[in-house]
Amino acid sequence: MKTEEWESIVAELKPVMDARHAAREEVLKQSRLLIQISSKCIKHVHRRQLDEAAVLLAQARDVASGMRAFAEGHPEVIYAGYIQDSEKEMVEAAAVLSIVSGVALPTPGELGVGAKSYLNGMGEAASECRRYALDEMRAGSMANAEGLLKTMEVIYDELTTFDYPDSLTGGLRRTCDALRAVIERTRSDLTMTQVQLGLMNELKKAAEGD
């Protein structure tokens, strides 16, 4: 082996790996930021601060777009997993905001995400709706709570049709299993609340009759 030949190969590969490492570090930074913004967006939704949530979602979409652009040309970075995980959080935030606002769900194309991120994000969004539904129950808005439960069930029913290996779906089966348990608890809570309200109304009528 000629030393100069080896050194020439190393000199050729070094900038490639430097660029790949730089892309990885930047994408990791942006993915963490995307998760943080998406989490804040969901918190604002639960606080009924929907305008603020919409602003945060727009920021999240900008970060996601920039993150994808920075990773372009580095397939090892794109498919490492952390991009998909952070995009999933953005999908969850976007879906929760859309559901409680009563507007059309954003499509994968509109969010610029792949199927795995979108499907798992939708599953987690449906689970997150439980918290909003419980708030509606506490406020006595049973019709709204029932509507949310119905949405959760519709999302679950469609997600379960993607019966493919976990390597293709990113663990969608586990997401669906978790969502099913959340739906069952929410349905139980809704039923119990309706029974309690019915009893309270009966007691009120009886008291008024006296």
N, C-alpha and C. Protein backbone atom coordinates (compact mmCIF):
# COMPACT_ATOMS: atom_id res chain seq x y z
N MET A 1 0.84 -1.20 0.00
CA MET A 1 0.00 0.00 0.00
C MET A 1 0.87 1.25 0.00
N LYS A 2 0.54 2.18 -0.85
CA LYS A 2 1.27 3.43 -0.88
C LYS A 2 0.62 4.42 0.08
N THR A 3 1.43 4.98 0.95
CA THR A 3 0.93 5.89 1.97
C THR A 3 0.19 7.07 1.36
N GLU A 4 0.75 7.61 0.26
CA GLU A 4 0.12 8.78 -0.33
C GLU A 4 -1.28 8.47 -0.90
N GLU A 5 -1.47 7.21 -1.35
CA GLU A 5 -2.79 6.84 -1.87
C GLU A 5 -3.82 6.82 -0.74
N TRP A 6 -3.41 6.23 0.39
CA TRP A 6 -4.30 6.21 1.55
C TRP A 6 -4.62 7.61 2.05
N GLU A 7 -3.61 8.43 2.12
CA GLU A 7 -3.81 9.80 2.57
C GLU A 7 -4.74 10.56 1.64
N SER A 8 -4.66 10.25 0.37
CA SER A 8 -5.54 10.90 -0.60
C SER A 8 -7.00 10.50 -0.38
N ILE A 9 -7.21 9.20 -0.07
CA ILE A 9 -8.57 8.72 0.19
C ILE A 9 -9.13 9.37 1.45
N VAL A 10 -8.29 9.42 2.50
CA VAL A 10 -8.70 10.04 3.75
C VAL A 10 -9.05 11.51 3.54
N ALA A 11 -8.23 12.20 2.77
CA ALA A 11 -8.46 13.62 2.50
C ALA A 11 -9.77 13.83 1.75
N GLU A 12 -10.16 12.85 0.97
CA GLU A 12 -11.42 12.94 0.23
C GLU A 12 -12.63 12.68 1.12
N LEU A 13 -12.48 11.73 2.06
CA LEU A 13 -13.60 11.36 2.92
C LEU A 13 -13.80 12.30 4.11
N LYS A 14 -12.71 12.93 4.56
CA LYS A 14 -12.80 13.77 5.77
C LYS A 14 -13.84 14.88 5.63
N PRO A 15 -13.87 15.66 4.58
CA PRO A 15 -14.89 16.72 4.47
C PRO A 15 -16.31 16.16 4.37
N VAL A 16 -16.45 14.97 3.81
CA VAL A 16 -17.77 14.35 3.72
C VAL A 16 -18.30 14.06 5.12
N MET A 17 -17.42 13.46 5.95
CA MET A 17 -17.83 13.15 7.31
C MET A 17 -18.00 14.40 8.15
N ASP A 18 -17.18 15.41 7.92
CA ASP A 18 -17.32 16.68 8.64
C ASP A 18 -18.69 17.30 8.36
N ALA A 19 -19.08 17.28 7.08
CA ALA A 19 -20.37 17.85 6.70
C ALA A 19 -21.52 17.04 7.30
N ARG A 20 -21.35 15.73 7.30
CA ARG A 20 -22.40 14.86 7.86
C ARG A 20 -22.55 15.09 9.36
N HIS A 21 -21.42 15.24 10.04
CA HIS A 21 -21.46 15.49 11.48
C HIS A 21 -22.10 16.84 11.78
N ALA A 22 -21.74 17.85 10.99
CA ALA A 22 -22.32 19.18 11.19
C ALA A 22 -23.83 19.15 10.98
N ALA A 23 -24.26 18.40 9.96
CA ALA A 23 -25.69 18.29 9.70
C ALA A 23 -26.39 17.59 10.85
N ARG A 24 -25.78 16.54 11.36
CA ARG A 24 -26.38 15.81 12.49
C ARG A 24 -26.54 16.70 13.71
N GLU A 25 -25.50 17.45 14.04
CA GLU A 25 -25.55 18.29 15.23
C GLU A 25 -26.62 19.38 15.08
N GLU A 26 -26.70 19.97 13.90
CA GLU A 26 -27.70 21.02 13.69
C GLU A 26 -29.11 20.46 13.70
N VAL A 27 -29.28 19.31 13.08
CA VAL A 27 -30.61 18.70 13.05
C VAL A 27 -31.05 18.28 14.45
N LEU A 28 -30.13 17.76 15.25
CA LEU A 28 -30.47 17.42 16.64
C LEU A 28 -30.93 18.67 17.40
N LYS A 29 -30.23 19.76 17.19
CA LYS A 29 -30.58 21.02 17.85
C LYS A 29 -31.97 21.48 17.42
N GLN A 30 -32.23 21.42 16.12
CA GLN A 30 -33.52 21.87 15.60
C GLN A 30 -34.66 20.92 16.00
N SER A 31 -34.35 19.63 16.09
CA SER A 31 -35.40 18.68 16.48
C SER A 31 -35.82 18.90 17.92
N ARG A 32 -34.86 19.22 18.78
CA ARG A 32 -35.20 19.53 20.18
C ARG A 32 -36.05 20.80 20.26
N LEU A 33 -35.69 21.79 19.44
CA LEU A 33 -36.47 23.03 19.42
C LEU A 33 -37.89 22.77 18.92
N LEU A 34 -38.00 21.92 17.90
CA LEU A 34 -39.32 21.60 17.35
C LEU A 34 -40.21 20.92 18.38
N ILE A 35 -39.64 20.02 19.15
CA ILE A 35 -40.40 19.34 20.20
C ILE A 35 -40.86 20.34 21.26
N GLN A 36 -39.99 21.27 21.64
CA GLN A 36 -40.33 22.27 22.64
C GLN A 36 -41.47 23.17 22.17
N ILE A 37 -41.38 23.64 20.94
CA ILE A 37 -42.41 24.53 20.41
C ILE A 37 -43.74 23.80 20.29
N SER A 38 -43.69 22.55 19.83
CA SER A 38 -44.92 21.76 19.67
C SER A 38 -45.58 21.53 21.02
N SER A 39 -44.78 21.26 22.04
CA SER A 39 -45.31 21.06 23.39
C SER A 39 -45.99 22.33 23.90
N LYS A 40 -45.37 23.47 23.67
CA LYS A 40 -45.97 24.75 24.08
C LYS A 40 -47.28 25.00 23.35
N CYS A 41 -47.31 24.63 22.08
CA CYS A 41 -48.52 24.80 21.29
C CYS A 41 -49.68 24.04 21.91
N ILE A 42 -49.44 22.79 22.29
CA ILE A 42 -50.49 21.97 22.89
C ILE A 42 -50.94 22.55 24.24
N LYS A 43 -50.00 23.06 25.00
CA LYS A 43 -50.35 23.66 26.29
C LYS A 43 -51.28 24.85 26.09
N HIS A 44 -51.03 25.65 25.08
CA HIS A 44 -51.89 26.80 24.80
C HIS A 44 -53.28 26.36 24.35
N VAL A 45 -53.33 25.24 23.63
CA VAL A 45 -54.64 24.71 23.22
C VAL A 45 -55.46 24.37 24.45
N HIS A 46 -54.86 23.69 25.41
CA HIS A 46 -55.59 23.29 26.62
C HIS A 46 -55.96 24.50 27.48
N ARG A 47 -55.21 25.59 27.32
CA ARG A 47 -55.56 26.81 28.04
C ARG A 47 -56.60 27.64 27.29
N ARG A 48 -57.07 27.11 26.16
CA ARG A 48 -58.04 27.78 25.29
C ARG A 48 -57.46 29.04 24.66
N GLN A 49 -56.15 29.08 24.53
CA GLN A 49 -55.46 30.21 23.88
C GLN A 49 -55.11 29.78 22.45
N LEU A 50 -56.14 29.68 21.63
CA LEU A 50 -55.96 29.09 20.31
C LEU A 50 -55.17 29.97 19.35
N ASP A 51 -55.31 31.28 19.48
CA ASP A 51 -54.54 32.19 18.61
C ASP A 51 -53.05 32.04 18.88
N GLU A 52 -52.70 31.99 20.17
CA GLU A 52 -51.29 31.82 20.54
C GLU A 52 -50.78 30.46 20.06
N ALA A 53 -51.64 29.45 20.16
CA ALA A 53 -51.26 28.11 19.70
C ALA A 53 -51.00 28.11 18.20
N ALA A 54 -51.80 28.84 17.45
CA ALA A 54 -51.62 28.91 16.00
C ALA A 54 -50.30 29.58 15.63
N VAL A 55 -49.93 30.59 16.40
CA VAL A 55 -48.64 31.26 16.16
C VAL A 55 -47.48 30.29 16.41
N LEU A 56 -47.56 29.54 17.48
CA LEU A 56 -46.52 28.57 17.80
C LEU A 56 -46.45 27.46 16.75
N LEU A 57 -47.61 27.05 16.25
CA LEU A 57 -47.62 26.01 15.22
C LEU A 57 -46.93 26.51 13.95
N ALA A 58 -47.15 27.76 13.61
CA ALA A 58 -46.48 28.34 12.44
C ALA A 58 -44.97 28.34 12.64
N GLN A 59 -44.55 28.66 13.86
CA GLN A 59 -43.11 28.62 14.17
C GLN A 59 -42.57 27.21 14.03
N ALA A 60 -43.34 26.24 14.53
CA ALA A 60 -42.92 24.84 14.47
C ALA A 60 -42.75 24.39 13.01
N ARG A 61 -43.67 24.79 12.16
CA ARG A 61 -43.59 24.40 10.76
C ARG A 61 -42.36 25.01 10.09
N ASP A 62 -42.02 26.23 10.48
CA ASP A 62 -40.81 26.86 9.93
C ASP A 62 -39.56 26.11 10.37
N VAL A 63 -39.52 25.73 11.64
CA VAL A 63 -38.37 25.00 12.17
C VAL A 63 -38.25 23.64 11.46
N ALA A 64 -39.37 22.96 11.30
CA ALA A 64 -39.36 21.65 10.64
C ALA A 64 -38.88 21.76 9.20
N SER A 65 -39.32 22.79 8.51
CA SER A 65 -38.90 22.98 7.13
C SER A 65 -37.40 23.23 7.05
N GLY A 66 -36.92 24.08 7.94
CA GLY A 66 -35.48 24.37 7.96
C GLY A 66 -34.65 23.15 8.33
N MET A 67 -35.16 22.36 9.24
CA MET A 67 -34.46 21.15 9.67
C MET A 67 -34.33 20.18 8.51
N ARG A 68 -35.39 19.99 7.77
CA ARG A 68 -35.37 19.10 6.61
C ARG A 68 -34.39 19.61 5.55
N ALA A 69 -34.42 20.91 5.33
CA ALA A 69 -33.54 21.50 4.32
C ALA A 69 -32.08 21.32 4.71
N PHE A 70 -31.78 21.46 6.00
CA PHE A 70 -30.40 21.33 6.46
C PHE A 70 -29.92 19.89 6.32
N ALA A 71 -30.83 18.94 6.47
CA ALA A 71 -30.45 17.52 6.39
C ALA A 71 -30.41 17.01 4.95
N GLU A 72 -30.87 17.83 4.02
CA GLU A 72 -30.92 17.41 2.62
C GLU A 72 -29.53 16.99 2.13
N GLY A 73 -29.49 15.85 1.48
CA GLY A 73 -28.21 15.35 0.99
C GLY A 73 -27.49 14.46 1.98
N HIS A 74 -28.08 14.27 3.16
CA HIS A 74 -27.48 13.42 4.19
C HIS A 74 -28.52 12.38 4.62
N PRO A 75 -28.72 11.34 3.84
CA PRO A 75 -29.75 10.34 4.15
C PRO A 75 -29.56 9.68 5.50
N GLU A 76 -28.30 9.53 5.94
CA GLU A 76 -28.05 8.92 7.25
C GLU A 76 -28.67 9.77 8.35
N VAL A 77 -28.64 11.07 8.17
CA VAL A 77 -29.22 11.99 9.16
C VAL A 77 -30.74 11.98 9.06
N ILE A 78 -31.24 12.01 7.84
CA ILE A 78 -32.69 12.06 7.63
C ILE A 78 -33.38 10.85 8.23
N TYR A 79 -32.77 9.67 8.09
CA TYR A 79 -33.42 8.45 8.55
C TYR A 79 -32.91 7.96 9.90
N ALA A 80 -32.23 8.84 10.63
CA ALA A 80 -31.70 8.44 11.93
C ALA A 80 -32.80 8.24 12.97
N GLY A 81 -33.94 8.91 12.82
CA GLY A 81 -35.04 8.72 13.75
C GLY A 81 -35.46 9.98 14.47
N TYR A 82 -34.49 10.83 14.83
CA TYR A 82 -34.88 12.00 15.62
C TYR A 82 -35.65 13.03 14.81
N ILE A 83 -35.47 13.06 13.50
CA ILE A 83 -36.28 13.96 12.68
C ILE A 83 -37.73 13.51 12.74
N GLN A 84 -37.95 12.21 12.54
CA GLN A 84 -39.31 11.68 12.56
C GLN A 84 -39.97 11.88 13.92
N ASP A 85 -39.20 11.68 14.99
CA ASP A 85 -39.76 11.84 16.34
C ASP A 85 -40.22 13.27 16.59
N SER A 86 -39.41 14.24 16.18
CA SER A 86 -39.79 15.64 16.41
C SER A 86 -40.93 16.06 15.50
N GLU A 87 -40.92 15.55 14.27
CA GLU A 87 -42.03 15.87 13.36
C GLU A 87 -43.34 15.28 13.87
N LYS A 88 -43.26 14.14 14.50
CA LYS A 88 -44.45 13.52 15.09
C LYS A 88 -45.08 14.44 16.12
N GLU A 89 -44.24 15.10 16.92
CA GLU A 89 -44.74 16.03 17.93
C GLU A 89 -45.43 17.22 17.26
N MET A 90 -44.89 17.68 16.14
CA MET A 90 -45.51 18.79 15.42
C MET A 90 -46.87 18.37 14.86
N VAL A 91 -46.94 17.16 14.31
CA VAL A 91 -48.21 16.64 13.79
C VAL A 91 -49.24 16.58 14.92
N GLU A 92 -48.82 16.11 16.08
CA GLU A 92 -49.73 16.03 17.22
C GLU A 92 -50.28 17.41 17.57
N ALA A 93 -49.40 18.40 17.63
CA ALA A 93 -49.83 19.75 17.96
C ALA A 93 -50.79 20.30 16.91
N ALA A 94 -50.45 20.09 15.64
CA ALA A 94 -51.29 20.59 14.56
C ALA A 94 -52.66 19.93 14.58
N ALA A 95 -52.70 18.63 14.83
CA ALA A 95 -53.96 17.89 14.83
C ALA A 95 -54.84 18.28 16.01
N VAL A 96 -54.25 18.41 17.20
CA VAL A 96 -55.03 18.80 18.37
C VAL A 96 -55.65 20.17 18.16
N LEU A 97 -54.86 21.10 17.65
CA LEU A 97 -55.37 22.45 17.40
C LEU A 97 -56.52 22.41 16.38
N SER A 98 -56.36 21.62 15.34
CA SER A 98 -57.40 21.52 14.31
C SER A 98 -58.68 20.90 14.87
N ILE A 99 -58.52 19.84 15.66
CA ILE A 99 -59.68 19.13 16.19
C ILE A 99 -60.51 20.03 17.11
N VAL A 100 -59.85 20.70 18.06
CA VAL A 100 -60.61 21.52 19.00
C VAL A 100 -61.12 22.79 18.34
N SER A 101 -60.49 23.21 17.25
CA SER A 101 -60.95 24.40 16.53
C SER A 101 -62.05 24.08 15.54
N GLY A 102 -62.23 22.79 15.26
CA GLY A 102 -63.27 22.38 14.34
C GLY A 102 -62.96 22.66 12.88
N VAL A 103 -61.67 22.66 12.55
CA VAL A 103 -61.26 22.91 11.16
C VAL A 103 -60.64 21.64 10.58
N ALA A 104 -60.44 21.65 9.27
CA ALA A 104 -59.89 20.48 8.59
C ALA A 104 -58.50 20.13 9.11
N LEU A 105 -58.23 18.84 9.20
CA LEU A 105 -56.91 18.40 9.62
C LEU A 105 -55.87 18.76 8.58
N PRO A 106 -54.67 19.14 9.00
CA PRO A 106 -53.60 19.39 8.03
C PRO A 106 -53.14 18.08 7.42
N THR A 107 -52.81 18.09 6.16
CA THR A 107 -52.37 16.87 5.49
C THR A 107 -50.87 16.67 5.69
N PRO A 108 -50.37 15.47 5.44
CA PRO A 108 -48.92 15.25 5.52
C PRO A 108 -48.15 16.20 4.59
N GLY A 109 -48.71 16.44 3.42
CA GLY A 109 -48.06 17.33 2.48
C GLY A 109 -47.98 18.75 2.99
N GLU A 110 -49.04 19.21 3.62
CA GLU A 110 -49.06 20.58 4.16
C GLU A 110 -48.04 20.74 5.29
N LEU A 111 -47.86 19.68 6.07
CA LEU A 111 -46.90 19.73 7.17
C LEU A 111 -45.49 19.34 6.74
N GLY A 112 -45.38 18.76 5.55
CA GLY A 112 -44.06 18.36 5.06
C GLY A 112 -43.45 17.20 5.81
N VAL A 113 -44.29 16.23 6.19
CA VAL A 113 -43.80 15.09 6.96
C VAL A 113 -44.11 13.79 6.23
N GLY A 114 -43.44 12.71 6.64
CA GLY A 114 -43.66 11.41 6.06
C GLY A 114 -44.80 10.67 6.74
N ALA A 115 -45.12 9.50 6.20
CA ALA A 115 -46.26 8.72 6.70
C ALA A 115 -46.08 8.30 8.15
N LYS A 116 -44.88 7.84 8.53
CA LYS A 116 -44.67 7.37 9.90
C LYS A 116 -44.91 8.48 10.91
N SER A 117 -44.33 9.63 10.65
CA SER A 117 -44.50 10.77 11.56
C SER A 117 -45.96 11.18 11.64
N TYR A 118 -46.63 11.20 10.50
CA TYR A 118 -48.01 11.67 10.47
C TYR A 118 -48.94 10.71 11.20
N LEU A 119 -48.85 9.44 10.90
CA LEU A 119 -49.76 8.47 11.51
C LEU A 119 -49.58 8.38 13.02
N ASN A 120 -48.33 8.32 13.47
CA ASN A 120 -48.10 8.26 14.92
C ASN A 120 -48.47 9.57 15.59
N GLY A 121 -48.24 10.68 14.91
CA GLY A 121 -48.63 11.97 15.47
C GLY A 121 -50.13 12.08 15.62
N MET A 122 -50.87 11.53 14.65
CA MET A 122 -52.33 11.54 14.75
C MET A 122 -52.81 10.67 15.90
N GLY A 123 -52.15 9.54 16.10
CA GLY A 123 -52.51 8.68 17.22
C GLY A 123 -52.30 9.37 18.56
N GLU A 124 -51.20 10.07 18.68
CA GLU A 124 -50.92 10.76 19.94
C GLU A 124 -51.83 11.97 20.11
N ALA A 125 -52.21 12.59 19.00
CA ALA A 125 -53.15 13.72 19.08
C ALA A 125 -54.50 13.25 19.61
N ALA A 126 -54.94 12.10 19.12
CA ALA A 126 -56.22 11.55 19.59
C ALA A 126 -56.16 11.27 21.09
N SER A 127 -55.05 10.74 21.55
CA SER A 127 -54.89 10.49 22.99
C SER A 127 -54.90 11.80 23.77
N GLU A 128 -54.25 12.81 23.22
CA GLU A 128 -54.18 14.12 23.88
C GLU A 128 -55.56 14.76 24.00
N CYS A 129 -56.47 14.41 23.11
CA CYS A 129 -57.82 14.96 23.15
C CYS A 129 -58.57 14.55 24.41
N ARG A 130 -58.12 13.47 25.05
CA ARG A 130 -58.77 13.04 26.30
C ARG A 130 -58.75 14.17 27.33
N ARG A 131 -57.63 14.84 27.45
CA ARG A 131 -57.51 15.91 28.45
C ARG A 131 -58.53 17.02 28.15
N TYR A 132 -58.67 17.36 26.89
CA TYR A 132 -59.62 18.41 26.51
C TYR A 132 -61.05 17.94 26.77
N ALA A 133 -61.30 16.66 26.49
CA ALA A 133 -62.63 16.11 26.72
C ALA A 133 -62.99 16.13 28.21
N LEU A 134 -62.03 15.83 29.07
CA LEU A 134 -62.27 15.86 30.51
C LEU A 134 -62.59 17.28 30.96
N ASP A 135 -61.89 18.26 30.39
CA ASP A 135 -62.19 19.66 30.72
C ASP A 135 -63.61 20.02 30.31
N GLU A 136 -64.03 19.51 29.16
CA GLU A 136 -65.40 19.77 28.69
C GLU A 136 -66.41 19.13 29.63
N MET A 137 -66.11 17.93 30.11
CA MET A 137 -67.02 17.27 31.06
C MET A 137 -67.15 18.08 32.34
N ARG A 138 -66.02 18.55 32.85
CA ARG A 138 -66.04 19.34 34.08
C ARG A 138 -66.84 20.62 33.91
N ALA A 139 -66.82 21.15 32.68
CA ALA A 139 -67.57 22.38 32.40
C ALA A 139 -69.03 22.10 32.10
N GLY A 140 -69.39 20.82 32.05
CA GLY A 140 -70.76 20.46 31.76
C GLY A 140 -71.10 20.44 30.29
N SER A 141 -70.09 20.56 29.43
CA SER A 141 -70.32 20.56 27.99
C SER A 141 -70.24 19.12 27.47
N MET A 142 -71.27 18.35 27.77
CA MET A 142 -71.24 16.94 27.45
C MET A 142 -71.27 16.68 25.95
N ALA A 143 -71.97 17.51 25.21
CA ALA A 143 -72.03 17.33 23.76
C ALA A 143 -70.65 17.49 23.14
N ASN A 144 -69.89 18.47 23.62
CA ASN A 144 -68.53 18.66 23.11
C ASN A 144 -67.63 17.49 23.48
N ALA A 145 -67.79 17.00 24.70
CA ALA A 145 -66.99 15.86 25.14
C ALA A 145 -67.31 14.63 24.30
N GLU A 146 -68.58 14.43 24.01
CA GLU A 146 -68.99 13.29 23.18
C GLU A 146 -68.42 13.42 21.77
N GLY A 147 -68.42 14.65 21.25
CA GLY A 147 -67.85 14.88 19.93
C GLY A 147 -66.37 14.55 19.87
N LEU A 148 -65.64 14.93 20.92
CA LEU A 148 -64.22 14.63 20.98
C LEU A 148 -63.98 13.13 21.05
N LEU A 149 -64.77 12.44 21.86
CA LEU A 149 -64.64 10.99 21.97
C LEU A 149 -64.89 10.34 20.61
N LYS A 150 -65.89 10.81 19.90
CA LYS A 150 -66.18 10.27 18.58
C LYS A 150 -65.01 10.48 17.63
N THR A 151 -64.40 11.64 17.69
CA THR A 151 -63.22 11.92 16.85
C THR A 151 -62.08 10.98 17.19
N MET A 152 -61.86 10.76 18.47
CA MET A 152 -60.82 9.85 18.92
C MET A 152 -61.06 8.45 18.36
N GLU A 153 -62.33 8.02 18.39
CA GLU A 153 -62.67 6.68 17.91
C GLU A 153 -62.48 6.57 16.40
N VAL A 154 -62.85 7.61 15.68
CA VAL A 154 -62.69 7.60 14.21
C VAL A 154 -61.22 7.51 13.84
N ILE A 155 -60.39 8.30 14.52
CA ILE A 155 -58.95 8.27 14.25
C ILE A 155 -58.39 6.88 14.53
N TYR A 156 -58.79 6.32 15.67
CA TYR A 156 -58.31 4.98 16.04
C TYR A 156 -58.73 3.94 15.00
N ASP A 157 -59.98 3.98 14.60
CA ASP A 157 -60.48 2.99 13.64
C ASP A 157 -59.68 3.02 12.34
N GLU A 158 -59.34 4.19 11.87
CA GLU A 158 -58.59 4.29 10.62
C GLU A 158 -57.13 3.89 10.80
N LEU A 159 -56.56 4.26 11.93
CA LEU A 159 -55.15 3.92 12.17
C LEU A 159 -54.94 2.42 12.22
N THR A 160 -55.90 1.70 12.74
CA THR A 160 -55.75 0.25 12.86
C THR A 160 -55.78 -0.46 11.51
N THR A 161 -56.16 0.24 10.45
CA THR A 161 -56.15 -0.37 9.12
C THR A 161 -54.74 -0.42 8.54
N PHE A 162 -53.80 0.30 9.15
CA PHE A 162 -52.41 0.28 8.68
C PHE A 162 -51.67 -0.87 9.37
N ASP A 163 -52.04 -2.05 9.00
CA ASP A 163 -51.50 -3.26 9.63
C ASP A 163 -50.23 -3.72 8.90
N TYR A 164 -49.16 -2.98 9.14
CA TYR A 164 -47.88 -3.27 8.50
C TYR A 164 -46.81 -3.49 9.58
N PRO A 165 -45.67 -4.03 9.21
CA PRO A 165 -44.60 -4.23 10.19
C PRO A 165 -44.19 -2.91 10.85
N ASP A 166 -43.79 -3.01 12.12
CA ASP A 166 -43.39 -1.83 12.88
C ASP A 166 -42.25 -1.07 12.21
N SER A 167 -41.40 -1.76 11.49
CA SER A 167 -40.29 -1.09 10.82
C SER A 167 -40.78 -0.11 9.76
N LEU A 168 -41.97 -0.36 9.24
CA LEU A 168 -42.55 0.53 8.23
C LEU A 168 -43.39 1.64 8.86
N THR A 169 -44.03 1.34 9.98
CA THR A 169 -44.95 2.30 10.59
C THR A 169 -44.37 3.06 11.78
N GLY A 170 -43.16 2.71 12.19
CA GLY A 170 -42.58 3.40 13.33
C GLY A 170 -43.25 3.06 14.65
N GLY A 171 -43.72 1.83 14.78
CA GLY A 171 -44.35 1.41 16.04
C GLY A 171 -45.79 1.86 16.17
N LEU A 172 -46.48 1.98 15.04
CA LEU A 172 -47.87 2.46 15.07
C LEU A 172 -48.78 1.54 15.88
N ARG A 173 -48.48 0.26 15.89
CA ARG A 173 -49.32 -0.68 16.65
C ARG A 173 -49.31 -0.33 18.14
N ARG A 174 -48.15 0.02 18.67
CA ARG A 174 -48.08 0.42 20.08
C ARG A 174 -48.86 1.71 20.32
N THR A 175 -48.76 2.63 19.37
CA THR A 175 -49.50 3.88 19.48
C THR A 175 -51.00 3.61 19.52
N CYS A 176 -51.45 2.69 18.68
CA CYS A 176 -52.87 2.33 18.63
C CYS A 176 -53.31 1.64 19.92
N ASP A 177 -52.46 0.77 20.46
CA ASP A 177 -52.79 0.09 21.72
C ASP A 177 -52.98 1.11 22.84
N ALA A 178 -52.08 2.08 22.89
CA ALA A 178 -52.18 3.12 23.92
C ALA A 178 -53.44 3.96 23.71
N LEU A 179 -53.75 4.27 22.46
CA LEU A 179 -54.93 5.07 22.17
C LEU A 179 -56.21 4.32 22.53
N ARG A 180 -56.25 3.02 22.27
CA ARG A 180 -57.43 2.24 22.61
C ARG A 180 -57.71 2.32 24.11
N ALA A 181 -56.66 2.20 24.91
CA ALA A 181 -56.84 2.28 26.37
C ALA A 181 -57.35 3.66 26.78
N VAL A 182 -56.84 4.70 26.13
CA VAL A 182 -57.27 6.07 26.44
C VAL A 182 -58.74 6.25 26.08
N ILE A 183 -59.14 5.71 24.94
CA ILE A 183 -60.54 5.81 24.51
C ILE A 183 -61.45 5.10 25.50
N GLU A 184 -61.06 3.93 25.95
CA GLU A 184 -61.88 3.18 26.90
C GLU A 184 -62.05 3.93 28.22
N ARG A 185 -60.97 4.55 28.70
CA ARG A 185 -61.06 5.33 29.94
C ARG A 185 -61.94 6.56 29.74
N THR A 186 -61.80 7.20 28.59
CA THR A 186 -62.58 8.40 28.32
C THR A 186 -64.06 8.06 28.19
N ARG A 187 -64.38 6.95 27.53
CA ARG A 187 -65.77 6.53 27.40
C ARG A 187 -66.37 6.21 28.78
N SER A 188 -65.55 5.57 29.62
CA SER A 188 -66.01 5.26 30.98
C SER A 188 -66.27 6.54 31.77
N ASP A 189 -65.35 7.50 31.67
CA ASP A 189 -65.52 8.77 32.38
C ASP A 189 -66.75 9.52 31.89
N LEU A 190 -66.96 9.49 30.58
CA LEU A 190 -68.11 10.18 30.01
C LEU A 190 -69.41 9.54 30.48
N THR A 191 -69.45 8.23 30.48
CA THR A 191 -70.66 7.52 30.92
C THR A 191 -70.95 7.82 32.38
N MET A 192 -69.91 7.77 33.22
CA MET A 192 -70.09 8.03 34.65
C MET A 192 -70.57 9.45 34.89
N THR A 193 -70.00 10.40 34.15
CA THR A 193 -70.40 11.80 34.31
C THR A 193 -71.85 11.99 33.89
N GLN A 194 -72.25 11.35 32.80
CA GLN A 194 -73.64 11.46 32.35
C GLN A 194 -74.60 10.89 33.38
N VAL A 195 -74.23 9.76 33.99
CA VAL A 195 -75.07 9.16 35.02
C VAL A 195 -75.19 10.10 36.22
N GLN A 196 -74.06 10.66 36.63
CA GLN A 196 -74.07 11.58 37.77
C GLN A 196 -74.93 12.80 37.50
N LEU A 197 -74.81 13.35 36.29
CA LEU A 197 -75.61 14.52 35.94
C LEU A 197 -77.10 14.16 35.93
N GLY A 198 -77.40 12.94 35.44
CA GLY A 198 -78.78 12.50 35.43
C GLY A 198 -79.35 12.39 36.84
N LEU A 199 -78.56 11.85 37.74
CA LEU A 199 -79.00 11.72 39.13
C LEU A 199 -79.19 13.08 39.78
N MET A 200 -78.26 14.00 39.48
CA MET A 200 -78.37 15.34 40.04
C MET A 200 -79.63 16.03 39.55
N ASN A 201 -79.95 15.84 38.27
CA ASN A 201 -81.16 16.45 37.72
C ASN A 201 -82.42 15.86 38.37
N GLU A 202 -82.39 14.54 38.59
CA GLU A 202 -83.53 13.90 39.24
C GLU A 202 -83.72 14.40 40.67
N LEU A 203 -82.59 14.53 41.38
CA LEU A 203 -82.66 15.04 42.75
C LEU A 203 -83.15 16.48 42.77
N LYS A 204 -82.74 17.25 41.79
CA LYS A 204 -83.17 18.65 41.72
C LYS A 204 -84.67 18.74 41.47
N LYS A 205 -85.15 17.89 40.55
CA LYS A 205 -86.58 17.88 40.26
C LYS A 205 -87.38 17.45 41.48
N ALA A 206 -86.85 16.46 42.20
CA ALA A 206 -87.54 15.97 43.40
C ALA A 206 -87.60 17.06 44.46
N ALA A 207 -86.48 17.81 44.59
CA ALA A 207 -86.44 18.88 45.59
C ALA A 207 -87.39 19.99 45.22
N GLU A 208 -87.47 20.30 43.95
CA GLU A 208 -88.39 21.35 43.50
C GLU A 208 -89.84 20.93 43.67
N GLY A 209 -90.06 19.60 43.54
CA GLY A 209 -91.43 19.10 43.72
C GLY A 209 -91.90 19.19 45.14
N ASP A 210 -90.94 19.07 46.07
CA ASP A 210 -91.31 19.20 47.48
C ASP A 210 -91.68 20.65 47.82
